[in-house]
Each structure stands twice: as structure tokens, then as C-alpha cells.
C-alpha atoms as a PDB file:
ATOM      1  CA  MET A   1      59.408 110.847  89.318  1.00  0.00           C
ATOM      2  CA  LEU A   2      58.792 109.718  92.901  1.00  0.00           C
ATOM      3  CA  ARG A   3      60.542 106.411  92.149  1.00  0.00           C
ATOM      4  CA  VAL A   4      63.619 108.232  90.866  1.00  0.00           C
ATOM      5  CA  ILE A   5      63.776 110.380  93.996  1.00  0.00           C
ATOM      6  CA  LEU A   6      63.394 107.303  96.219  1.00  0.00           C
ATOM      7  CA  LEU A   7      66.143 105.468  94.312  1.00  0.00           C
ATOM      8  CA  VAL A   8      68.464 108.449  94.666  1.00  0.00           C
ATOM      9  CA  ILE A   9      67.767 108.661  98.405  1.00  0.00           C
ATOM     10  CA  ILE A  10      68.310 104.911  98.839  1.00  0.00           C
ATOM     11  CA  GLY A  11      71.564 105.165  96.879  1.00  0.00           C
ATOM     12  CA  LEU A  12      72.825 108.048  99.017  1.00  0.00           C
ATOM     13  CA  VAL A  13      71.962 106.201 102.230  1.00  0.00           C
ATOM     14  CA  ALA A  14      73.764 103.085 100.967  1.00  0.00           C
ATOM     15  CA  VAL A  15      76.902 105.049 100.035  1.00  0.00           C
ATOM     16  CA  ALA A  16      76.927 106.781 103.427  1.00  0.00           C
ATOM     17  CA  GLY A  17      76.506 103.428 105.167  1.00  0.00           C
ATOM     18  CA  PHE A  18      79.402 101.859 103.281  1.00  0.00           C
ATOM     19  CA  ALA A  19      81.609 104.866 104.052  1.00  0.00           C
ATOM     20  CA  PHE A  20      80.740 104.609 107.763  1.00  0.00           C
ATOM     21  CA  ILE A  21      81.478 100.881 107.829  1.00  0.00           C
ATOM     22  CA  GLY A  22      84.799 101.400 106.012  1.00  0.00           C
ATOM     23  CA  ASP A  23      85.830 104.151 108.432  1.00  0.00           C
ATOM     24  CA  THR A  24      84.948 101.952 111.415  1.00  0.00           C
ATOM     25  CA  LEU A  25      86.991  99.050 110.021  1.00  0.00           C
ATOM     26  CA  ASP A  26      89.949 101.372 109.389  1.00  0.00           C
ATOM     27  CA  ARG A  27      89.781 102.630 112.986  1.00  0.00           C
ATOM     28  CA  ARG A  28      89.733  99.090 114.369  1.00  0.00           C
ATOM     29  CA  SER A  29      92.600  98.057 112.131  1.00  0.00           C
ATOM     30  CA  ILE A  30      94.758 100.954 113.337  1.00  0.00           C
ATOM     31  CA  GLN A  31      93.893 100.311 116.989  1.00  0.00           C
ATOM     32  CA  LYS A  32      94.926  96.662 116.644  1.00  0.00           C
ATOM     33  CA  ALA A  33      98.081  97.311 114.602  1.00  0.00           C
ATOM     34  CA  SER A  34     101.205  96.450 116.535  1.00  0.00           C
ATOM     35  CA  ILE A  35     103.934  99.036 116.919  1.00  0.00           C
ATOM     36  CA  LYS A  36     107.277  97.245 116.722  1.00  0.00           C
ATOM     37  CA  SER A  37     109.997  97.989 119.205  1.00  0.00           C
ATOM     38  CA  ILE A  38     112.953  99.502 117.350  1.00  0.00           C
ATOM     39  CA  ASP A  39     116.297  99.936 119.090  1.00  0.00           C
ATOM     40  CA  PHE A  40     117.130 103.513 118.119  1.00  0.00           C
ATOM     41  CA  SER A  41     120.728 103.105 119.332  1.00  0.00           C
ATOM     42  CA  ARG A  42     121.400 100.605 116.514  1.00  0.00           C
ATOM     43  CA  LEU A  43     120.153 102.833 113.710  1.00  0.00           C
ATOM     44  CA  PRO A  44     122.734 104.257 111.300  1.00  0.00           C
ATOM     45  CA  ASN A  45     122.952 108.036 111.121  1.00  0.00           C
ATOM     46  CA  GLY A  46     120.719 109.472 108.452  1.00  0.00           C
ATOM     47  CA  VAL A  47     117.342 110.780 107.458  1.00  0.00           C
ATOM     48  CA  TYR A  48     114.522 108.291 107.052  1.00  0.00           C
ATOM     49  CA  ASP A  49     111.214 108.915 105.292  1.00  0.00           C
ATOM     50  CA  GLY A  50     108.120 106.870 105.953  1.00  0.00           C
ATOM     51  CA  GLY A  51     104.391 106.937 106.001  1.00  0.00           C
ATOM     52  CA  TYR A  52     101.251 105.124 106.998  1.00  0.00           C
ATOM     53  CA  LYS A  53      97.818 105.259 105.426  1.00  0.00           C
ATOM     54  CA  ARG A  54      94.687 103.411 106.315  1.00  0.00           C
ATOM     55  CA  GLY A  55      91.535 104.928 104.834  1.00  0.00           C
ATOM     56  CA  ARG A  56      91.365 108.603 105.715  1.00  0.00           C
ATOM     57  CA  PHE A  57      93.959 108.206 108.455  1.00  0.00           C
ATOM     58  CA  SER A  58      97.435 108.977 107.208  1.00  0.00           C
ATOM     59  CA  SER A  59     100.750 110.385 108.290  1.00  0.00           C
ATOM     60  CA  LYS A  60     104.096 110.968 106.564  1.00  0.00           C
ATOM     61  CA  VAL A  61     107.263 111.696 108.500  1.00  0.00           C
ATOM     62  CA  ARG A  62     110.958 112.427 108.050  1.00  0.00           C
ATOM     63  CA  VAL A  63     113.051 111.097 110.945  1.00  0.00           C
ATOM     64  CA  THR A  64     116.630 112.210 111.644  1.00  0.00           C
ATOM     65  CA  VAL A  65     118.977 109.841 113.478  1.00  0.00           C
ATOM     66  CA  ALA A  66     122.363 110.916 114.832  1.00  0.00           C
ATOM     67  CA  SER A  67     124.684 109.091 117.230  1.00  0.00           C
ATOM     68  CA  GLY A  68     122.162 106.384 118.022  1.00  0.00           C
ATOM     69  CA  ARG A  69     119.357 108.802 118.862  1.00  0.00           C
ATOM     70  CA  VAL A  70     116.324 110.068 117.027  1.00  0.00           C
ATOM     71  CA  THR A  71     117.048 113.782 117.105  1.00  0.00           C
ATOM     72  CA  LYS A  72     114.232 115.166 114.992  1.00  0.00           C
ATOM     73  CA  ILE A  73     110.891 114.111 113.556  1.00  0.00           C
ATOM     74  CA  ASP A  74     109.358 116.307 110.891  1.00  0.00           C
ATOM     75  CA  VAL A  75     105.733 115.645 110.124  1.00  0.00           C
ATOM     76  CA  VAL A  76     105.486 115.968 106.351  1.00  0.00           C
ATOM     77  CA  GLN A  77     101.776 115.143 106.150  1.00  0.00           C
ATOM     78  CA  ASP A  78      99.278 114.880 108.969  1.00  0.00           C
ATOM     79  CA  MET A  79      95.571 114.670 109.469  1.00  0.00           C
ATOM     80  CA  GLN A  80      95.194 118.443 109.501  1.00  0.00           C
ATOM     81  CA  TYR A  81      92.793 118.759 112.398  1.00  0.00           C
ATOM     82  CA  GLN A  82      95.046 116.736 114.712  1.00  0.00           C
ATOM     83  CA  SER A  83      98.368 118.608 114.420  1.00  0.00           C
ATOM     84  CA  GLU A  84      98.538 119.340 118.179  1.00  0.00           C
ATOM     85  CA  VAL A  85      98.127 115.641 118.910  1.00  0.00           C
ATOM     86  CA  THR A  86     100.959 114.727 116.570  1.00  0.00           C
ATOM     87  CA  HIS A  87     103.139 117.449 118.101  1.00  0.00           C
ATOM     88  CA  LYS A  88     102.655 115.823 121.528  1.00  0.00           C
ATOM     89  CA  ALA A  89     103.451 112.384 120.106  1.00  0.00           C
ATOM     90  CA  VAL A  90     106.655 113.702 118.492  1.00  0.00           C
ATOM     91  CA  GLY A  91     107.771 115.073 121.865  1.00  0.00           C
ATOM     92  CA  ALA A  92     106.977 111.799 123.620  1.00  0.00           C
ATOM     93  CA  VAL A  93     108.962 109.717 121.101  1.00  0.00           C
ATOM     94  CA  LEU A  94     111.955 112.063 121.284  1.00  0.00           C
ATOM     95  CA  GLU A  95     111.898 112.042 125.079  1.00  0.00           C
ATOM     96  CA  ALA A  96     111.465 108.270 125.434  1.00  0.00           C
ATOM     97  CA  GLN A  97     113.698 107.408 122.452  1.00  0.00           C
ATOM     98  CA  SER A  98     111.155 104.714 121.753  1.00  0.00           C
ATOM     99  CA  LEU A  99     107.950 104.061 119.838  1.00  0.00           C
ATOM    100  CA  GLN A 100     106.520 102.394 122.917  1.00  0.00           C
ATOM    101  CA  ILE A 101     104.770 105.485 124.267  1.00  0.00           C
ATOM    102  CA  ASP A 102     101.296 106.090 125.599  1.00  0.00           C
ATOM    103  CA  THR A 103      98.876 107.370 123.013  1.00  0.00           C
ATOM    104  CA  VAL A 104      97.674 110.939 123.359  1.00  0.00           C
ATOM    105  CA  SER A 105      94.449 110.897 125.363  1.00  0.00           C
ATOM    106  CA  GLY A 106      91.384 111.132 123.136  1.00  0.00           C
ATOM    107  CA  ALA A 107      93.433 110.656 119.968  1.00  0.00           C
ATOM    108  CA  THR A 108      94.469 107.015 119.899  1.00  0.00           C
ATOM    109  CA  ILE A 109      93.932 106.578 116.159  1.00  0.00           C
ATOM    110  CA  THR A 110      95.911 109.693 115.218  1.00  0.00           C
ATOM    111  CA  THR A 111      98.762 108.788 117.578  1.00  0.00           C
ATOM    112  CA  ARG A 112      98.964 105.224 116.302  1.00  0.00           C
ATOM    113  CA  ALA A 113      98.926 106.329 112.635  1.00  0.00           C
ATOM    114  CA  PHE A 114     101.838 108.661 113.459  1.00  0.00           C
ATOM    115  CA  LEU A 115     103.743 105.885 115.294  1.00  0.00           C
ATOM    116  CA  LYS A 116     103.232 103.482 112.375  1.00  0.00           C
ATOM    117  CA  ALA A 117     104.634 106.127 110.011  1.00  0.00           C
ATOM    118  CA  VAL A 118     107.748 106.527 112.188  1.00  0.00           C
ATOM    119  CA  GLU A 119     108.080 102.746 112.474  1.00  0.00           C
ATOM    120  CA  ASN A 120     107.815 102.373 108.695  1.00  0.00           C
ATOM    121  CA  ALA A 121     110.494 105.039 108.210  1.00  0.00           C
ATOM    122  CA  LEU A 122     112.949 103.443 110.645  1.00  0.00           C
ATOM    123  CA  ALA A 123     112.292  99.855 109.562  1.00  0.00           C
ATOM    124  CA  LYS A 124     113.633 100.518 106.048  1.00  0.00           C
END
């Protein structure tokens, strides 16, 4: 019986370790991902859907373009606990009319996942 308990504990520790390593690799991958520069003024009018997912970090957006400007970004899916961060990032993109913005302080991963989702929408 003791052996079974020890094997279960060892299994749980191993699963937790793999999950931690995977999460760490996902974070590093997002931090290193390049955000392409997209000339908003050259985009045709329309509504563009896009998303980005890397591990537990994901974002889906709907971007509206009119007269060479991004006029609206709806966040369709967000990491729920970071909605304020994404709201700030939306405002920064709309103000700058660019994806080349500073990440929201303390939320680099969330901001970059959002930016990759917008990039993926507009790159279609």
C-alpha cells in the first residue's frame, strides 16, 4: 500500500513539473515572438478576425478597419484575469495606429499574446 501511495505522489510531482516546464517554455516563446510592423493605412476596409494561442495564453480579436485606420478592436476571447491589461493594450494600439507599442507594465505576456492576435487578424 505504501508503494502505491509513493508511486501516486511521484506521478503527481512529475505531472506538475512537466506542466511548470511547459508553461515556462510558452512564456519564453511569447516573449521572444516578433510582432510584425503592419501599415494600417494600406489595409482594405473590413472586419478581420484573428487569434493567438500558446499553451494557456490565448487571445481572439475582431479588428475593424475603415479609411486606412484601425477604428475598433473587439476582444472576443481573453485570458479572463487580465481583461484590464488587454483594455489598455487596445487603447494603445488605437492611439498609435500601430502594433509597435510598449507592453503593459507587469503584463508582458498578456500584451504580446493580444498583439500577436491582432497581427494574425490583419496579416490575413
